[in-house]
Protein backbone atom coordinates (compact mmCIF):
# COMPACT_ATOMS: atom_id res chain seq x y z
CA GLN A 1 -15.89 5.26 -9.18
CA VAL A 2 -13.52 2.95 -7.37
CA GLN A 3 -13.74 2.23 -3.65
CA LEU A 4 -10.79 0.90 -1.68
CA VAL A 5 -10.88 -0.68 1.77
CA GLU A 6 -7.65 -1.42 3.64
CA SER A 7 -6.95 -3.75 6.53
CA GLY A 8 -3.98 -5.08 8.45
CA GLY A 9 -2.36 -2.13 10.20
CA GLY A 10 -1.37 -2.19 13.84
CA LEU A 11 1.43 -2.04 16.37
CA VAL A 12 4.55 -4.13 15.95
CA GLN A 13 8.03 -4.17 17.44
CA ALA A 14 11.05 -3.26 15.33
CA GLY A 15 12.15 -6.24 13.28
CA GLY A 16 8.64 -7.61 13.10
CA SER A 17 6.26 -8.07 10.17
CA LEU A 18 2.85 -6.89 9.10
CA ARG A 19 0.72 -7.54 6.05
CA LEU A 20 -1.58 -4.88 4.63
CA SER A 21 -4.43 -5.77 2.30
CA CYS A 22 -6.70 -3.67 0.13
CA VAL A 23 -9.87 -4.66 -1.70
CA ALA A 24 -11.17 -2.65 -4.64
CA SER A 25 -14.77 -2.44 -5.76
CA GLY A 26 -16.75 -0.42 -8.27
CA SER A 27 -15.28 0.37 -11.70
CA ILE A 28 -12.56 -2.29 -11.52
CA SER A 29 -11.93 -2.23 -15.26
CA SER A 30 -10.70 1.37 -15.01
CA ILE A 31 -7.80 0.46 -12.71
CA ALA A 32 -4.36 0.61 -14.34
CA SER A 33 -2.17 0.25 -11.28
CA MET A 34 -2.46 -0.26 -7.54
CA GLY A 35 -0.13 0.39 -4.69
CA TRP A 36 0.59 1.83 -1.31
CA TYR A 37 1.53 5.30 -0.13
CA ARG A 38 2.37 6.38 3.39
CA GLN A 39 2.37 9.60 5.34
CA ALA A 40 4.30 10.05 8.56
CA PRO A 41 3.51 12.91 10.96
CA GLY A 42 4.85 16.19 9.62
CA LYS A 43 5.91 14.65 6.32
CA GLN A 44 4.53 14.53 2.80
CA ARG A 45 2.76 11.47 1.48
CA GLU A 46 5.17 9.23 -0.40
CA ALA A 47 4.83 6.24 -2.68
CA VAL A 48 5.96 3.02 -1.03
CA ALA A 49 5.23 0.39 -3.67
CA ILE A 50 3.32 0.27 -6.94
CA ILE A 51 2.27 -2.67 -9.09
CA ARG A 52 1.00 -2.19 -12.63
CA SER A 53 -1.51 -4.26 -14.54
CA GLY A 54 1.30 -6.04 -16.37
CA GLY A 55 2.90 -7.01 -13.07
CA SER A 56 5.87 -4.64 -13.00
CA THR A 57 6.66 -3.12 -9.63
CA ASN A 58 8.43 -0.14 -8.15
CA TYR A 59 9.56 0.35 -4.56
CA GLU A 60 10.71 3.31 -2.56
CA ASP A 61 14.43 2.91 -1.90
CA SER A 62 14.18 2.54 1.88
CA VAL A 63 11.81 -0.44 1.65
CA LYS A 64 13.54 -2.42 -1.10
CA GLY A 65 14.34 -5.92 0.08
CA ARG A 66 11.98 -5.61 3.05
CA PHE A 67 8.55 -4.98 1.52
CA THR A 68 6.81 -6.99 -1.19
CA ILE A 69 3.73 -5.89 -3.10
CA SER A 70 1.44 -8.42 -4.72
CA ARG A 71 -1.87 -8.41 -6.52
CA GLY A 72 -4.64 -11.00 -6.44
CA ASN A 73 -5.60 -13.04 -9.50
CA GLY A 74 -8.78 -11.06 -9.94
CA LYS A 75 -6.76 -7.85 -9.75
CA THR A 76 -9.22 -6.52 -7.20
CA THR A 77 -6.88 -6.96 -4.24
CA VAL A 78 -3.40 -5.72 -3.47
CA SER A 79 -1.27 -6.65 -0.50
CA LEU A 80 1.92 -5.32 1.03
CA GLN A 81 4.05 -7.73 3.03
CA MET A 82 6.28 -5.70 5.32
CA ASN A 83 9.22 -7.45 6.97
CA SER A 84 12.08 -6.19 9.12
CA LEU A 85 10.03 -3.18 10.09
CA LYS A 86 11.80 -0.12 11.46
CA PRO A 87 10.49 2.73 13.62
CA GLU A 88 10.86 5.03 10.61
CA ASP A 89 8.24 2.94 8.81
CA THR A 90 5.64 4.30 11.24
CA ALA A 91 2.98 6.08 9.20
CA VAL A 92 -0.55 5.98 7.93
CA TYR A 93 -0.56 3.71 4.90
CA TYR A 94 -3.00 4.41 2.07
CA CYS A 95 -4.10 2.06 -0.65
CA TYR A 96 -3.99 3.67 -4.10
CA ALA A 97 -5.54 2.83 -7.45
CA GLY A 98 -4.38 4.63 -10.57
CA ARG A 99 -7.06 4.75 -13.21
CA LEU A 100 -6.97 4.78 -17.00
CA THR A 101 -9.06 7.96 -16.96
CA GLY A 102 -10.09 10.24 -14.15
CA LEU A 103 -8.69 10.84 -10.71
CA PRO A 104 -6.97 8.08 -8.72
CA ALA A 105 -8.80 6.41 -5.87
CA TRP A 106 -7.59 6.32 -2.26
CA GLY A 107 -8.42 4.19 0.73
CA GLN A 108 -9.17 5.65 4.13
CA GLY A 109 -5.74 4.77 5.51
CA THR A 110 -4.49 2.31 8.09
CA LEU A 111 -2.02 3.14 10.85
CA VAL A 112 1.21 1.21 11.16
CA THR A 113 3.21 1.85 14.32
CA VAL A 114 6.65 0.31 14.80
CA SER A 115 8.05 0.52 18.30
CA SER A 116 11.78 0.50 19.02
């Protein structure tokens, strides 16, 4: 089992920045990748940014150049630096951990609201 706890959401004006953080605990050795998904009202959950154990990253097209994902040295934390935020970035953001075996783990979600 892997448990994920997020922090850092909130309300920000368009053009502003926020930093999300996620701490993993439990079966850390089973984690192959970590990242962030988001779900806006009335929309499907989508992958925002993923970082793999080797350090490679992938970003959703609309956040490239604005968001940066990073992982702590102990590989138990993952952060998402979000700059130049837009109202369309408003969503609940979920921390994600892909595992070598078994189902992925999800955090409880943190709300990011970007006002225009």
